[in-house]
Amino acid sequence: MLFNKQKFTAGDIVTIKLISGDEIMGKFIEDAMGSITLDRPVMLAMTQKGPAMAPVLVTVNPDSKLTFNTQAITVMAESDAEIGKQYVYQTTGIQPVTAGSIIKG
């Protein structure tokens, strides 16, 4: 598996690419004993309205933590910040706040 040189901490939004070609995004939990655990992993699915996020396993509770064998992962990297915000919104319903400016009236 190819990792970026950065170290991931619990709560980081990361993307992994499996040897099957599937790209999966989730909240990083841990890297232990030859496996990576992600909370609420999703994958990109194409819809009539364009790309959308769908659960990795449709028959499993979407709020689950799933563990992936590192031998099945080709790459792991921190997800793009804007896509990460969309992931948080899709999986929790919480709209991340973007840094703004103070307006004096």
C-alpha atoms as a PDB file:
ATOM      1  CA  MET A   1       0.000   0.000   0.000  1.00  0.00           C
ATOM      2  CA  LEU A   2       1.165   3.519  -0.809  1.00  0.00           C
ATOM      3  CA  PHE A   3       0.631   6.081   1.929  1.00  0.00           C
ATOM      4  CA  ASN A   4       1.284   9.775   1.665  1.00  0.00           C
ATOM      5  CA  LYS A   5       4.078  10.737   4.051  1.00  0.00           C
ATOM      6  CA  GLN A   6       1.587  12.318   6.431  1.00  0.00           C
ATOM      7  CA  LYS A   7       0.350  10.561   9.538  1.00  0.00           C
ATOM      8  CA  PHE A   8      -3.397  10.359   9.974  1.00  0.00           C
ATOM      9  CA  THR A   9      -5.144  11.010  13.261  1.00  0.00           C
ATOM     10  CA  ALA A  10      -8.563   9.871  14.409  1.00  0.00           C
ATOM     11  CA  GLY A  11     -11.214  12.095  12.877  1.00  0.00           C
ATOM     12  CA  ASP A  12      -9.341  12.958   9.652  1.00  0.00           C
ATOM     13  CA  ILE A  13     -11.461  12.581   6.515  1.00  0.00           C
ATOM     14  CA  VAL A  14      -9.460  10.273   4.230  1.00  0.00           C
ATOM     15  CA  THR A  15      -9.852   8.560   0.881  1.00  0.00           C
ATOM     16  CA  ILE A  16      -8.598   5.069   0.124  1.00  0.00           C
ATOM     17  CA  LYS A  17      -8.375   3.389  -3.251  1.00  0.00           C
ATOM     18  CA  LEU A  18      -8.788  -0.381  -3.255  1.00  0.00           C
ATOM     19  CA  ILE A  19      -7.050  -2.770  -5.641  1.00  0.00           C
ATOM     20  CA  SER A  20     -10.512  -3.317  -7.161  1.00  0.00           C
ATOM     21  CA  GLY A  21     -10.486   0.352  -8.240  1.00  0.00           C
ATOM     22  CA  ASP A  22     -13.160   1.441  -5.755  1.00  0.00           C
ATOM     23  CA  GLU A  23     -12.548   4.813  -4.105  1.00  0.00           C
ATOM     24  CA  ILE A  24     -13.828   5.010  -0.537  1.00  0.00           C
ATOM     25  CA  MET A  25     -14.024   8.018   1.737  1.00  0.00           C
ATOM     26  CA  GLY A  26     -14.538   7.994   5.494  1.00  0.00           C
ATOM     27  CA  LYS A  27     -13.535   9.304   8.867  1.00  0.00           C
ATOM     28  CA  PHE A  28     -10.220   7.715   9.882  1.00  0.00           C
ATOM     29  CA  ILE A  29     -10.409   5.757  13.158  1.00  0.00           C
ATOM     30  CA  GLU A  30      -7.217   3.701  13.316  1.00  0.00           C
ATOM     31  CA  ASP A  31      -4.456   1.889  11.482  1.00  0.00           C
ATOM     32  CA  ALA A  32      -3.711  -1.308  13.380  1.00  0.00           C
ATOM     33  CA  MET A  33      -2.615  -4.891  12.742  1.00  0.00           C
ATOM     34  CA  GLY A  34      -2.653  -4.654   8.926  1.00  0.00           C
ATOM     35  CA  SER A  35      -6.028  -2.965   8.700  1.00  0.00           C
ATOM     36  CA  ILE A  36      -7.550   0.502   8.396  1.00  0.00           C
ATOM     37  CA  THR A  37     -10.812   1.338  10.162  1.00  0.00           C
ATOM     38  CA  LEU A  38     -13.091   4.033   8.763  1.00  0.00           C
ATOM     39  CA  ASP A  39     -16.269   5.428  10.302  1.00  0.00           C
ATOM     40  CA  ARG A  40     -19.266   5.813   7.969  1.00  0.00           C
ATOM     41  CA  PRO A  41     -17.400   4.932   4.766  1.00  0.00           C
ATOM     42  CA  VAL A  42     -19.010   5.997   1.504  1.00  0.00           C
ATOM     43  CA  MET A  43     -18.177   5.634  -2.152  1.00  0.00           C
ATOM     44  CA  LEU A  44     -18.917   7.782  -5.155  1.00  0.00           C
ATOM     45  CA  ALA A  45     -21.998   6.776  -7.134  1.00  0.00           C
ATOM     46  CA  MET A  46     -23.204   8.358 -10.360  1.00  0.00           C
ATOM     47  CA  THR A  47     -26.852   9.488 -10.406  1.00  0.00           C
ATOM     48  CA  GLN A  48     -28.986  11.384 -12.922  1.00  0.00           C
ATOM     49  CA  LYS A  49     -28.112  14.580 -11.046  1.00  0.00           C
ATOM     50  CA  GLY A  50     -24.375  13.818 -11.075  1.00  0.00           C
ATOM     51  CA  PRO A  51     -22.027  12.276  -8.501  1.00  0.00           C
ATOM     52  CA  ALA A  52     -23.402  11.381  -5.063  1.00  0.00           C
ATOM     53  CA  MET A  53     -22.135   9.584  -1.981  1.00  0.00           C
ATOM     54  CA  ALA A  54     -23.512   6.116  -1.277  1.00  0.00           C
ATOM     55  CA  PRO A  55     -22.841   3.651   1.551  1.00  0.00           C
ATOM     56  CA  VAL A  56     -20.069   1.147   0.800  1.00  0.00           C
ATOM     57  CA  LEU A  57     -22.293  -1.746   1.907  1.00  0.00           C
ATOM     58  CA  VAL A  58     -26.011  -1.258   1.260  1.00  0.00           C
ATOM     59  CA  THR A  59     -27.162  -3.977   3.658  1.00  0.00           C
ATOM     60  CA  VAL A  60     -25.175  -2.639   6.623  1.00  0.00           C
ATOM     61  CA  ASN A  61     -26.126   0.277   8.853  1.00  0.00           C
ATOM     62  CA  PRO A  62     -24.571   3.355   7.145  1.00  0.00           C
ATOM     63  CA  ASP A  63     -23.379   4.618  10.561  1.00  0.00           C
ATOM     64  CA  SER A  64     -21.096   1.578  10.958  1.00  0.00           C
ATOM     65  CA  LYS A  65     -17.333   1.482  11.274  1.00  0.00           C
ATOM     66  CA  LEU A  66     -15.754  -0.810   8.670  1.00  0.00           C
ATOM     67  CA  THR A  67     -12.277  -2.316   8.653  1.00  0.00           C
ATOM     68  CA  PHE A  68     -10.301  -2.723   5.422  1.00  0.00           C
ATOM     69  CA  ASN A  69      -7.290  -4.997   4.938  1.00  0.00           C
ATOM     70  CA  THR A  70      -4.254  -2.867   4.054  1.00  0.00           C
ATOM     71  CA  GLN A  71      -3.250  -5.452   1.429  1.00  0.00           C
ATOM     72  CA  ALA A  72      -6.416  -4.477  -0.499  1.00  0.00           C
ATOM     73  CA  ILE A  73      -5.552  -0.755  -0.402  1.00  0.00           C
ATOM     74  CA  THR A  74      -3.352   0.785  -3.096  1.00  0.00           C
ATOM     75  CA  VAL A  75      -3.389   4.364  -1.868  1.00  0.00           C
ATOM     76  CA  MET A  76      -4.588   6.393   1.122  1.00  0.00           C
ATOM     77  CA  ALA A  77      -4.608  10.170   1.329  1.00  0.00           C
ATOM     78  CA  GLU A  78      -6.343  13.027   3.093  1.00  0.00           C
ATOM     79  CA  SER A  79      -9.535  13.937   1.228  1.00  0.00           C
ATOM     80  CA  ASP A  80      -9.981  17.287  -0.480  1.00  0.00           C
ATOM     81  CA  ALA A  81     -11.278  19.841   2.066  1.00  0.00           C
ATOM     82  CA  GLU A  82     -14.397  20.808   0.075  1.00  0.00           C
ATOM     83  CA  ILE A  83     -15.346  17.187  -0.576  1.00  0.00           C
ATOM     84  CA  GLY A  84     -14.633  16.453   3.100  1.00  0.00           C
ATOM     85  CA  LYS A  85     -17.167  19.121   4.097  1.00  0.00           C
ATOM     86  CA  GLN A  86     -19.723  17.518   1.795  1.00  0.00           C
ATOM     87  CA  TYR A  87     -18.953  14.123   3.352  1.00  0.00           C
ATOM     88  CA  VAL A  88     -19.573  15.514   6.863  1.00  0.00           C
ATOM     89  CA  TYR A  89     -22.868  17.039   5.714  1.00  0.00           C
ATOM     90  CA  GLN A  90     -24.001  13.832   3.969  1.00  0.00           C
ATOM     91  CA  THR A  91     -23.131  11.522   6.869  1.00  0.00           C
ATOM     92  CA  THR A  92     -24.163  13.690   9.827  1.00  0.00           C
ATOM     93  CA  GLY A  93     -26.491  16.382   8.504  1.00  0.00           C
ATOM     94  CA  ILE A  94     -24.179  18.995  10.024  1.00  0.00           C
ATOM     95  CA  GLN A  95     -23.194  21.803   7.650  1.00  0.00           C
ATOM     96  CA  PRO A  96     -19.506  22.629   8.338  1.00  0.00           C
ATOM     97  CA  VAL A  97     -18.866  26.313   8.963  1.00  0.00           C
ATOM     98  CA  THR A  98     -16.551  28.105   6.597  1.00  0.00           C
ATOM     99  CA  ALA A  99     -14.256  30.733   8.064  1.00  0.00           C
ATOM    100  CA  GLY A 100     -15.710  34.152   7.334  1.00  0.00           C
ATOM    101  CA  SER A 101     -15.084  37.711   8.252  1.00  0.00           C
ATOM    102  CA  ILE A 102     -16.520  39.848  11.002  1.00  0.00           C
ATOM    103  CA  ILE A 103     -18.915  42.444   9.691  1.00  0.00           C
ATOM    104  CA  LYS A 104     -19.201  45.619  11.716  1.00  0.00           C
ATOM    105  CA  GLY A 105     -22.469  47.417  11.449  1.00  0.00           C
END
